[in-house]
């Protein structure tokens, strides 16, 4: 009789142990058909993670980097201050995304951020970095390269302050560099922090922008009511692409007081929109 009872006890113990292990890893997550290499869905208000896939994997963030670039600029600049475009825009390489800035133009910092976030202008990102870097150092006569390097140091410090400790940024644009990387989790933390700024919210929620000098269309198709990828309630945030990074998107949407941030890294051209929509739909179908 004792011999017969031992297997039953062992099975019971293992079952209990299995339940305990499962619980120790946190709540069970839904099995979503996410094709991207990494993804994460976060409740904007509580910070609760509703879904994650390879959230700590270090990947190339491409132009989603510009979310952090904009945050540093907003924190250390004034949106109505005048900024003169310098020689930094001449560094544009073939195929780079651009805001079509010209040396000698004068724009407000807000207009530069719009040029950086809507069409993903690398020239606008460099101009912002040069301006804020020199302003923060209080030495306007330093080289553009020194100013950009200082700005990048500010970016890394800002990321660390919100707990984005698995990222390292080498430039303000997101152009490929082997030591320029982030994670889905870190980008969600950065985005959650910067989306608390009303000015940033207003910029990334623009579908298009026109002034006497420039006209921009937002690359975020979830915002475009004429796009097949339109997602009701979308209010940001940023697209990204390089050959090495694949297609990336940080998206945000709000409906009836509920708001979610979705991060998708290293997806396909079509999949980046489908993955993001799948994540956001999961958020809004989740009970409070």
Protein backbone atom coordinates (compact mmCIF):
# COMPACT_ATOMS: atom_id res chain seq x y z
CA UNK A 1 0.00 0.00 0.00
CA UNK A 2 2.80 2.38 0.81
CA UNK A 3 4.44 1.71 -2.52
CA UNK A 4 1.20 2.49 -4.36
CA UNK A 5 0.70 5.78 -2.52
CA UNK A 6 4.15 7.18 -3.20
CA UNK A 7 3.56 7.88 -6.92
CA UNK A 8 0.28 9.64 -6.07
CA UNK A 9 2.04 11.83 -3.52
CA UNK A 10 4.83 12.59 -5.96
CA UNK A 11 2.42 13.50 -8.71
CA UNK A 12 0.44 15.74 -6.35
CA UNK A 13 3.61 17.41 -5.13
CA UNK A 14 4.88 18.00 -8.66
CA UNK A 15 1.54 19.43 -9.73
CA UNK A 16 1.56 21.83 -6.82
CA UNK A 17 5.17 22.72 -7.55
CA UNK A 18 4.31 23.30 -11.21
CA UNK A 19 1.54 25.70 -10.28
CA UNK A 20 3.90 27.56 -7.94
CA UNK A 21 6.56 27.92 -10.65
CA UNK A 22 4.00 29.22 -13.12
CA UNK A 23 2.74 31.75 -10.62
CA UNK A 24 6.26 32.89 -9.77
CA UNK A 25 6.75 33.99 -13.36
CA UNK A 26 3.81 36.36 -13.19
CA UNK A 27 0.37 36.23 -14.79
CA UNK A 28 -0.16 34.02 -17.82
CA UNK A 29 0.03 36.01 -21.05
CA UNK A 30 -2.17 35.62 -24.12
CA UNK A 31 -0.83 33.66 -27.06
CA UNK A 32 -0.87 36.42 -29.67
CA UNK A 33 0.27 35.86 -33.28
CA UNK A 34 3.10 38.40 -33.16
CA UNK A 35 5.63 37.86 -35.94
CA UNK A 36 8.10 40.56 -34.87
CA UNK A 37 11.34 39.58 -33.18
CA UNK A 38 10.35 41.50 -30.05
CA UNK A 39 7.18 43.18 -28.82
CA UNK A 40 5.54 44.59 -25.71
CA UNK A 41 2.14 45.98 -24.72
CA UNK A 42 1.97 48.31 -21.73
CA UNK A 43 -0.90 50.03 -19.96
CA UNK A 44 0.04 53.70 -20.16
CA UNK A 45 -1.55 54.69 -16.86
CA UNK A 46 -0.43 51.83 -14.63
CA UNK A 47 2.70 50.67 -16.43
CA UNK A 48 1.39 47.09 -16.29
CA UNK A 49 2.73 44.85 -19.06
CA UNK A 50 -0.08 42.89 -20.72
CA UNK A 51 2.04 41.08 -23.31
CA UNK A 52 5.73 40.69 -24.05
CA UNK A 53 7.90 38.76 -26.44
CA UNK A 54 11.69 38.88 -26.18
CA UNK A 55 11.21 42.20 -24.39
CA UNK A 56 14.78 42.26 -23.06
CA UNK A 57 16.51 41.32 -26.32
CA UNK A 58 18.92 44.01 -27.49
CA UNK A 59 17.92 45.08 -31.00
CA UNK A 60 18.55 48.01 -33.31
CA UNK A 61 15.79 50.61 -32.77
CA UNK A 62 16.20 52.59 -36.00
CA UNK A 63 14.26 55.88 -35.93
CA UNK A 64 12.24 54.99 -32.83
CA UNK A 65 15.41 56.48 -31.29
CA UNK A 66 13.93 59.89 -32.11
CA UNK A 67 11.39 59.50 -29.29
CA UNK A 68 14.28 59.87 -26.84
CA UNK A 69 15.86 62.62 -28.97
CA UNK A 70 12.63 64.61 -28.78
CA UNK A 71 12.31 64.04 -25.05
CA UNK A 72 15.78 65.43 -24.33
CA UNK A 73 15.05 68.43 -26.57
CA UNK A 74 11.74 69.19 -24.87
CA UNK A 75 13.30 68.86 -21.43
CA UNK A 76 16.23 71.18 -22.16
CA UNK A 77 14.77 73.57 -24.74
CA UNK A 78 11.85 75.90 -25.36
CA UNK A 79 9.59 74.97 -28.24
CA UNK A 80 9.21 78.55 -29.45
CA UNK A 81 12.95 79.33 -29.50
CA UNK A 82 14.48 80.08 -32.88
CA UNK A 83 17.05 77.65 -34.26
CA UNK A 84 19.26 78.33 -37.27
CA UNK A 85 19.95 75.33 -39.46
CA UNK A 86 23.67 74.81 -39.89
CA UNK A 87 26.10 72.68 -41.86
CA UNK A 88 24.95 69.56 -40.03
CA UNK A 89 22.23 69.09 -42.66
CA UNK A 90 24.88 68.63 -45.35
CA UNK A 91 25.84 65.28 -43.78
CA UNK A 92 22.75 63.68 -45.33
CA UNK A 93 23.51 60.35 -47.02
CA UNK A 94 21.63 58.93 -50.01
CA UNK A 95 18.47 57.15 -48.91
CA UNK A 96 18.24 58.84 -45.50
CA UNK A 97 14.85 60.04 -44.33
CA UNK A 98 14.82 63.81 -44.46
CA UNK A 99 12.88 66.90 -43.43
CA UNK A 100 14.39 68.73 -46.43
CA UNK A 101 16.08 71.37 -44.32
CA UNK A 102 18.49 73.84 -45.90
CA UNK A 103 21.47 75.51 -44.30
CA UNK A 104 20.62 79.03 -43.18
CA UNK A 105 16.92 78.40 -42.55
CA UNK A 106 15.50 79.51 -39.20
CA UNK A 107 12.78 77.42 -37.60
CA UNK A 108 11.37 77.05 -34.13
CA UNK A 109 12.42 74.05 -32.07
CA UNK A 110 8.83 72.80 -32.33
CA UNK A 111 8.99 72.88 -36.14
CA UNK A 112 12.26 70.97 -36.05
CA UNK A 113 10.72 68.34 -33.79
CA UNK A 114 7.80 68.02 -36.19
CA UNK A 115 10.27 67.55 -39.05
CA UNK A 116 12.01 64.91 -36.99
CA UNK A 117 8.93 62.98 -35.82
CA UNK A 118 6.54 63.12 -38.81
CA UNK A 119 8.75 62.45 -41.88
CA UNK A 120 11.51 61.10 -39.59
CA UNK A 121 14.03 63.68 -40.78
CA UNK A 122 17.57 62.79 -39.78
CA UNK A 123 18.66 66.30 -40.75
CA UNK A 124 16.16 67.72 -38.24
CA UNK A 125 17.44 65.34 -35.55
CA UNK A 126 21.04 66.47 -36.11
CA UNK A 127 20.02 70.14 -36.01
CA UNK A 128 18.16 69.57 -32.75
CA UNK A 129 21.15 67.74 -31.27
CA UNK A 130 23.61 70.47 -32.25
CA UNK A 131 21.39 73.23 -30.90
CA UNK A 132 20.53 71.57 -27.57
CA UNK A 133 24.06 70.22 -27.09
CA UNK A 134 25.62 73.67 -27.45
CA UNK A 135 22.91 75.28 -25.35
CA UNK A 136 23.31 72.78 -22.52
CA UNK A 137 27.08 73.18 -22.47
CA UNK A 138 26.79 76.96 -22.68
CA UNK A 139 29.54 77.02 -25.31
CA UNK A 140 28.09 77.91 -28.73
CA UNK A 141 31.51 77.93 -30.40
CA UNK A 142 32.25 74.22 -30.00
CA UNK A 143 32.14 71.99 -33.08
CA UNK A 144 28.93 70.37 -34.25
CA UNK A 145 30.45 66.95 -33.58
CA UNK A 146 31.22 67.85 -29.97
CA UNK A 147 27.69 69.19 -29.51
CA UNK A 148 26.13 66.02 -30.93
CA UNK A 149 28.35 63.82 -28.76
CA UNK A 150 27.28 65.77 -25.68
CA UNK A 151 23.62 65.48 -26.71
CA UNK A 152 23.98 61.70 -27.10
CA UNK A 153 25.43 61.53 -23.58
CA UNK A 154 22.33 63.40 -22.40
CA UNK A 155 20.17 60.84 -24.19
CA UNK A 156 21.83 57.92 -22.44
CA UNK A 157 21.52 59.64 -19.06
CA UNK A 158 17.84 60.37 -19.66
CA UNK A 159 17.21 56.73 -20.57
CA UNK A 160 18.90 55.51 -17.41
CA UNK A 161 16.77 57.82 -15.27
CA UNK A 162 13.60 55.94 -16.26
CA UNK A 163 15.15 52.52 -15.85
CA UNK A 164 15.94 51.88 -19.51
CA UNK A 165 19.18 50.18 -18.49
CA UNK A 166 19.57 47.76 -21.38
CA UNK A 167 19.95 50.42 -24.05
CA UNK A 168 22.87 52.34 -25.49
CA UNK A 169 22.54 55.17 -27.97
CA UNK A 170 25.28 56.42 -30.30
CA UNK A 171 23.43 59.07 -32.30
CA UNK A 172 20.21 61.12 -32.26
CA UNK A 173 18.86 59.69 -35.53
CA UNK A 174 18.77 55.92 -35.14
CA UNK A 175 21.05 55.29 -38.11
CA UNK A 176 22.71 51.92 -37.77
CA UNK A 177 25.66 51.56 -35.44
CA UNK A 178 26.66 48.21 -33.88
CA UNK A 179 26.70 49.79 -30.41
CA UNK A 180 23.37 51.60 -30.83
CA UNK A 181 20.67 49.32 -29.43
CA UNK A 182 17.62 49.14 -27.20
CA UNK A 183 14.90 46.72 -26.12
CA UNK A 184 11.13 46.64 -26.42
CA UNK A 185 10.84 47.08 -22.67
CA UNK A 186 13.21 50.07 -22.55
CA UNK A 187 11.49 51.81 -25.46
CA UNK A 188 8.13 51.36 -23.73
CA UNK A 189 9.52 52.94 -20.54
CA UNK A 190 10.96 55.87 -22.49
CA UNK A 191 7.73 56.35 -24.44
CA UNK A 192 5.57 56.19 -21.33
CA UNK A 193 7.66 58.95 -19.74
CA UNK A 194 7.74 61.32 -22.71
CA UNK A 195 4.04 60.87 -23.56
CA UNK A 196 3.27 62.60 -20.27
CA UNK A 197 4.44 65.83 -21.93
CA UNK A 198 1.51 67.54 -23.64
CA UNK A 199 3.74 69.20 -26.24
CA UNK A 200 5.16 65.85 -27.32
CA UNK A 201 1.68 64.32 -27.46
CA UNK A 202 0.49 67.10 -29.75
CA UNK A 203 3.43 66.68 -32.12
CA UNK A 204 3.26 62.90 -32.56
CA UNK A 205 -0.53 63.05 -32.96
CA UNK A 206 -0.25 65.27 -36.05
CA UNK A 207 -1.22 63.50 -39.25
CA UNK A 208 0.34 66.26 -41.33
CA UNK A 209 1.87 69.71 -40.97
CA UNK A 210 2.34 72.68 -43.27
CA UNK A 211 4.11 76.00 -42.85
CA UNK A 212 5.31 78.54 -45.47
CA UNK A 213 8.54 76.56 -45.92
CA UNK A 214 7.64 72.90 -45.47
CA UNK A 215 4.90 70.28 -45.74
CA UNK A 216 5.13 66.99 -43.84
CA UNK A 217 3.08 63.79 -43.71
CA UNK A 218 3.33 61.49 -40.70
CA UNK A 219 4.85 58.09 -41.54
CA UNK A 220 2.65 56.45 -38.86
CA UNK A 221 -0.11 54.78 -40.89
CA UNK A 222 -2.12 53.95 -37.78
CA UNK A 223 -2.92 57.68 -37.61
CA UNK A 224 -4.05 57.98 -41.22
CA UNK A 225 -7.82 57.62 -41.52
CA UNK A 226 -7.36 56.93 -45.26
CA UNK A 227 -4.97 54.04 -44.66
CA UNK A 228 -6.01 50.39 -44.49
CA UNK A 229 -3.89 50.24 -41.32
CA UNK A 230 -5.78 53.05 -39.55
CA UNK A 231 -6.45 52.30 -35.89
CA UNK A 232 -9.10 54.33 -34.10
CA UNK A 233 -7.76 56.25 -31.12
CA UNK A 234 -4.11 56.28 -32.23
CA UNK A 235 -2.25 59.28 -30.83
CA UNK A 236 1.40 58.45 -31.67
CA UNK A 237 4.24 57.62 -31.63
CA UNK A 238 7.12 56.77 -34.02
CA UNK A 239 8.09 54.54 -36.93
CA UNK A 240 11.55 53.24 -37.73
CA UNK A 241 13.40 51.28 -40.38
CA UNK A 242 16.91 50.31 -41.39
CA UNK A 243 18.08 47.19 -43.17
CA UNK A 244 19.62 45.94 -39.93
CA UNK A 245 16.70 46.89 -37.65
CA UNK A 246 13.86 45.83 -39.90
CA UNK A 247 10.51 47.59 -39.51
CA UNK A 248 9.86 49.05 -36.05
CA UNK A 249 7.00 50.95 -34.50
CA UNK A 250 6.15 52.43 -31.14
CA UNK A 251 2.41 53.12 -31.16
CA UNK A 252 -0.02 54.57 -28.66
CA UNK A 253 -3.79 54.67 -28.65
CA UNK A 254 -6.49 55.95 -26.30
CA UNK A 255 -10.17 55.07 -26.08
CA UNK A 256 -12.67 55.80 -23.32
CA UNK A 257 -10.02 56.59 -20.74
CA UNK A 258 -7.92 53.51 -21.53
CA UNK A 259 -4.52 54.03 -23.16
CA UNK A 260 -1.86 51.59 -24.28
CA UNK A 261 1.67 51.71 -25.66
CA UNK A 262 2.76 48.98 -28.08
CA UNK A 263 6.34 48.38 -29.16
CA UNK A 264 7.19 46.22 -32.17
CA UNK A 265 10.82 45.63 -33.20
CA UNK A 266 12.27 43.86 -36.22
CA UNK A 267 9.04 43.12 -38.01
CA UNK A 268 8.22 43.10 -41.73
CA UNK A 269 6.90 45.97 -43.85
CA UNK A 270 3.33 44.69 -43.58
CA UNK A 271 3.71 42.87 -40.29
CA UNK A 272 4.73 45.92 -38.28
CA UNK A 273 1.23 47.37 -38.69
CA UNK A 274 -0.57 44.08 -38.13
CA UNK A 275 1.51 43.25 -35.06
CA UNK A 276 0.86 46.69 -33.57
CA UNK A 277 -2.88 46.46 -34.25
CA UNK A 278 -3.00 43.00 -32.68
CA UNK A 279 -1.33 44.30 -29.54
CA UNK A 280 -3.52 47.39 -29.22
CA UNK A 281 -6.70 45.39 -29.85
CA UNK A 282 -5.65 43.06 -27.04
CA UNK A 283 -5.27 46.06 -24.74
CA UNK A 284 -8.71 47.45 -25.41
CA UNK A 285 -10.34 44.03 -25.08
CA UNK A 286 -8.77 43.54 -21.64
CA UNK A 287 -10.93 44.17 -18.60
CA UNK A 288 -9.66 46.91 -16.21
